[in-house]
N, C-alpha and C. Protein backbone atom coordinates (compact mmCIF):
# COMPACT_ATOMS: atom_id res chain seq x y z
N MET A 1 76.63 -46.12 -137.21
CA MET A 1 76.84 -47.68 -137.34
C MET A 1 78.02 -47.80 -137.70
N LYS A 2 79.45 -48.36 -137.44
CA LYS A 2 80.33 -48.69 -138.12
C LYS A 2 80.47 -49.35 -139.39
N LYS A 3 81.66 -48.80 -140.27
CA LYS A 3 81.70 -49.82 -141.26
C LYS A 3 81.53 -51.23 -141.55
N SER A 4 82.29 -51.76 -140.76
CA SER A 4 82.99 -52.93 -140.44
C SER A 4 81.65 -53.94 -140.05
N THR A 5 80.83 -53.15 -139.44
CA THR A 5 79.09 -53.49 -138.77
C THR A 5 78.10 -53.85 -140.15
N LYS A 6 78.47 -52.69 -140.86
CA LYS A 6 77.71 -52.78 -142.14
C LYS A 6 78.40 -53.63 -143.35
N VAL A 7 79.40 -53.90 -143.56
CA VAL A 7 80.11 -54.75 -144.25
C VAL A 7 79.36 -56.12 -143.89
N ARG A 8 80.11 -56.65 -142.34
CA ARG A 8 79.34 -57.54 -141.93
C ARG A 8 78.08 -57.64 -142.05
N ILE A 9 76.80 -57.22 -141.94
CA ILE A 9 75.34 -57.18 -141.94
C ILE A 9 74.99 -57.47 -143.61
N PHE A 10 76.23 -56.66 -144.45
CA PHE A 10 75.76 -56.94 -146.23
C PHE A 10 75.90 -58.54 -146.49
N PHE A 11 76.95 -58.97 -145.42
CA PHE A 11 77.62 -60.36 -146.08
C PHE A 11 76.48 -61.25 -145.35
N GLU A 12 76.16 -61.00 -144.63
CA GLU A 12 75.20 -61.90 -143.41
C GLU A 12 73.74 -62.12 -144.52
N ARG A 13 73.40 -61.28 -144.70
CA ARG A 13 72.19 -60.97 -145.66
C ARG A 13 72.00 -61.46 -147.16
N ASN A 14 73.32 -61.18 -147.52
CA ASN A 14 73.25 -61.34 -149.15
C ASN A 14 74.10 -62.85 -149.52
N GLY A 15 75.43 -62.82 -148.41
CA GLY A 15 76.37 -63.49 -149.42
C GLY A 15 76.11 -65.59 -148.21
N PHE A 16 75.99 -65.53 -147.49
CA PHE A 16 76.31 -66.38 -146.76
C PHE A 16 74.58 -67.52 -146.78
N ALA A 17 73.93 -67.12 -147.61
CA ALA A 17 73.01 -67.74 -148.17
C ALA A 17 72.93 -68.93 -149.33
N VAL A 18 74.08 -69.13 -149.69
CA VAL A 18 74.76 -69.99 -150.79
C VAL A 18 74.32 -71.00 -150.74
N CYS A 19 74.63 -72.09 -149.35
CA CYS A 19 74.09 -73.43 -148.99
C CYS A 19 72.54 -73.34 -149.70
N SER A 20 71.95 -72.61 -148.52
CA SER A 20 70.31 -73.18 -148.96
C SER A 20 70.03 -72.28 -150.24
N ARG A 21 70.50 -71.46 -150.90
CA ARG A 21 70.09 -70.92 -151.96
C ARG A 21 70.51 -71.85 -153.16
N LEU A 22 71.33 -72.80 -153.35
CA LEU A 22 71.61 -74.12 -153.87
C LEU A 22 70.79 -74.91 -153.37
N ALA A 23 70.76 -75.32 -152.26
CA ALA A 23 69.59 -76.16 -152.08
C ALA A 23 68.30 -76.35 -152.53
N GLU A 24 68.19 -75.33 -152.23
CA GLU A 24 66.59 -74.70 -152.86
C GLU A 24 66.33 -74.96 -154.78
N ILE A 25 67.46 -74.68 -155.57
CA ILE A 25 67.75 -75.13 -156.73
C ILE A 25 67.50 -76.48 -157.41
N LEU A 26 69.02 -77.24 -156.22
CA LEU A 26 68.97 -78.63 -156.42
C LEU A 26 67.57 -79.43 -155.83
N GLY A 27 66.82 -78.84 -155.16
CA GLY A 27 65.83 -79.83 -154.63
C GLY A 27 66.28 -80.71 -153.29
N MET A 28 67.24 -80.16 -152.91
CA MET A 28 67.85 -80.98 -151.72
C MET A 28 67.75 -80.27 -150.14
N ARG A 29 68.23 -80.93 -149.32
CA ARG A 29 68.48 -80.55 -148.11
C ARG A 29 69.76 -79.69 -147.96
N VAL A 30 68.90 -78.25 -147.05
CA VAL A 30 70.11 -77.33 -146.93
C VAL A 30 71.79 -78.21 -146.32
N LYS A 31 71.30 -79.15 -145.07
CA LYS A 31 72.19 -79.79 -144.51
C LYS A 31 73.05 -80.54 -145.25
N SER A 32 72.58 -81.45 -146.38
CA SER A 32 73.32 -82.36 -147.38
C SER A 32 74.08 -81.54 -148.06
N VAL A 33 73.75 -80.27 -148.87
CA VAL A 33 74.68 -79.66 -149.22
C VAL A 33 75.96 -78.86 -148.26
N ARG A 34 75.28 -78.14 -147.11
CA ARG A 34 77.06 -77.63 -145.97
C ARG A 34 77.84 -78.84 -145.81
N LEU A 35 77.54 -79.95 -145.36
CA LEU A 35 77.52 -81.44 -145.59
C LEU A 35 78.62 -81.31 -146.55
N PHE A 36 78.23 -81.75 -147.63
CA PHE A 36 79.28 -81.68 -148.84
C PHE A 36 80.51 -80.76 -149.16
N PHE A 37 79.87 -79.34 -148.85
CA PHE A 37 81.00 -78.52 -148.72
C PHE A 37 82.13 -78.81 -147.58
N ILE A 38 81.47 -79.15 -146.22
CA ILE A 38 82.63 -79.55 -145.45
C ILE A 38 83.91 -80.94 -145.99
N TYR A 39 82.69 -81.92 -146.34
CA TYR A 39 83.95 -82.99 -146.85
C TYR A 39 84.76 -82.91 -147.96
N ALA A 40 84.43 -81.63 -148.87
CA ALA A 40 85.36 -81.54 -149.90
C ALA A 40 86.11 -80.16 -149.54
N SER A 41 85.97 -79.71 -148.63
CA SER A 41 87.03 -78.82 -147.91
C SER A 41 88.30 -80.18 -148.00
N PHE A 42 87.72 -80.55 -146.44
CA PHE A 42 89.23 -81.59 -146.13
C PHE A 42 89.57 -82.47 -146.87
N THR A 43 88.47 -82.87 -148.15
CA THR A 43 89.33 -83.97 -148.96
C THR A 43 90.78 -83.03 -149.70
N THR A 44 90.07 -82.06 -150.41
CA THR A 44 91.03 -81.45 -151.21
C THR A 44 92.13 -81.08 -150.24
N LEU A 45 92.23 -80.50 -148.89
CA LEU A 45 92.98 -79.75 -148.11
C LEU A 45 93.82 -81.26 -148.03
N VAL A 46 93.80 -82.58 -147.36
CA VAL A 46 94.47 -83.56 -147.46
C VAL A 46 94.82 -83.97 -148.65
N GLY A 47 94.23 -84.27 -150.03
CA GLY A 47 94.56 -84.59 -151.06
C GLY A 47 95.90 -83.78 -150.80
N GLY A 48 96.08 -82.73 -150.99
CA GLY A 48 97.11 -81.98 -151.65
C GLY A 48 98.15 -82.05 -151.03
N PHE A 49 97.67 -81.84 -149.59
CA PHE A 49 99.20 -82.71 -148.60
C PHE A 49 99.72 -83.59 -149.07
N VAL A 50 98.64 -84.65 -149.39
CA VAL A 50 99.20 -86.45 -149.48
C VAL A 50 100.12 -86.20 -151.05
N LEU A 51 99.64 -85.64 -151.62
CA LEU A 51 99.96 -84.98 -152.89
C LEU A 51 101.55 -84.47 -153.12
N TYR A 52 101.63 -83.81 -152.35
CA TYR A 52 102.99 -82.46 -152.05
C TYR A 52 103.93 -84.24 -151.63
N LEU A 53 103.53 -84.90 -150.48
CA LEU A 53 104.95 -85.72 -149.91
C LEU A 53 104.60 -87.12 -150.95
N ILE A 54 103.77 -87.22 -151.89
CA ILE A 54 104.11 -88.31 -152.78
C ILE A 54 105.06 -87.96 -153.38
N LEU A 55 104.97 -86.52 -153.82
CA LEU A 55 105.99 -86.08 -154.75
C LEU A 55 107.20 -85.89 -154.56
N ALA A 56 107.22 -85.35 -153.21
CA ALA A 56 108.74 -85.14 -152.16
C ALA A 56 109.42 -86.62 -152.06
N LEU A 57 108.87 -87.47 -151.91
CA LEU A 57 109.28 -88.91 -151.55
C LEU A 57 109.98 -89.35 -152.93
N TRP A 58 109.24 -89.26 -153.76
CA TRP A 58 109.51 -89.70 -155.56
C TRP A 58 110.41 -88.86 -155.82
N LEU A 59 110.71 -87.54 -155.32
CA LEU A 59 111.83 -87.10 -155.99
C LEU A 59 113.30 -87.23 -155.21
N LYS A 60 113.25 -87.24 -153.84
CA LYS A 60 113.81 -88.47 -153.24
C LYS A 60 114.57 -89.56 -153.59
N LEU A 61 114.06 -90.15 -153.90
CA LEU A 61 113.98 -91.29 -154.94
C LEU A 61 114.67 -91.30 -155.49
N ASN A 62 114.38 -90.28 -156.51
CA ASN A 62 115.11 -90.30 -157.88
C ASN A 62 116.71 -89.71 -157.61
N ASN A 63 116.30 -88.95 -156.81
CA ASN A 63 117.81 -88.43 -156.74
C ASN A 63 118.79 -89.88 -155.73
N LEU A 64 118.32 -90.51 -155.16
CA LEU A 64 119.07 -91.70 -154.68
C LEU A 64 119.24 -92.58 -155.58
N ILE A 65 118.21 -93.10 -156.71
CA ILE A 65 118.65 -94.08 -157.79
C ILE A 65 120.03 -93.32 -158.92
N TYR A 66 119.24 -92.08 -159.06
CA TYR A 66 120.21 -91.81 -160.34
C TYR A 66 120.93 -90.65 -160.66
N THR A 67 122.10 -90.91 -159.11
CA THR A 67 123.09 -90.01 -158.84
C THR A 67 124.72 -90.11 -159.42
N LYS A 68 124.72 -88.93 -159.88
CA LYS A 68 126.04 -89.13 -160.73
C LYS A 68 127.35 -89.63 -160.38
N ARG A 69 127.39 -90.63 -161.23
CA ARG A 69 128.52 -91.72 -160.07
C ARG A 69 130.02 -90.99 -160.89
N ALA A 70 130.92 -91.09 -160.15
CA ALA A 70 132.28 -90.85 -160.45
C ALA A 70 132.70 -91.57 -161.96
N SER A 71 133.25 -91.04 -162.88
CA SER A 71 133.73 -92.12 -163.81
C SER A 71 135.45 -92.07 -164.02
N VAL A 72 135.29 -93.63 -164.30
CA VAL A 72 137.12 -93.87 -164.34
C VAL A 72 137.79 -92.81 -164.64
N PHE A 73 137.42 -92.04 -165.58
CA PHE A 73 138.54 -91.03 -166.28
C PHE A 73 138.68 -90.05 -165.33
N ASP A 74 137.65 -89.77 -164.33
CA ASP A 74 137.62 -88.46 -163.79
C ASP A 74 138.91 -88.68 -162.61
N LEU A 75 139.43 -89.85 -162.05
CA LEU A 75 140.46 -89.85 -161.27
C LEU A 75 141.41 -89.48 -161.85
């Protein structure tokens, strides 16, 4: 048996039961826990991107408003 297959089987047996174990501990359905993780991952991904766009827009507007104007004495 290949080493990669052994690693895959190990993680399938021990690592991928996180949602079912967590649901068992919390007394919830596994489907609800999985949906929570899916929605949370999309929310954080989209939220981070939106925050990035807002900050970029804010910096652009800040540069447009507070540009250094030439002084009368610089002429």
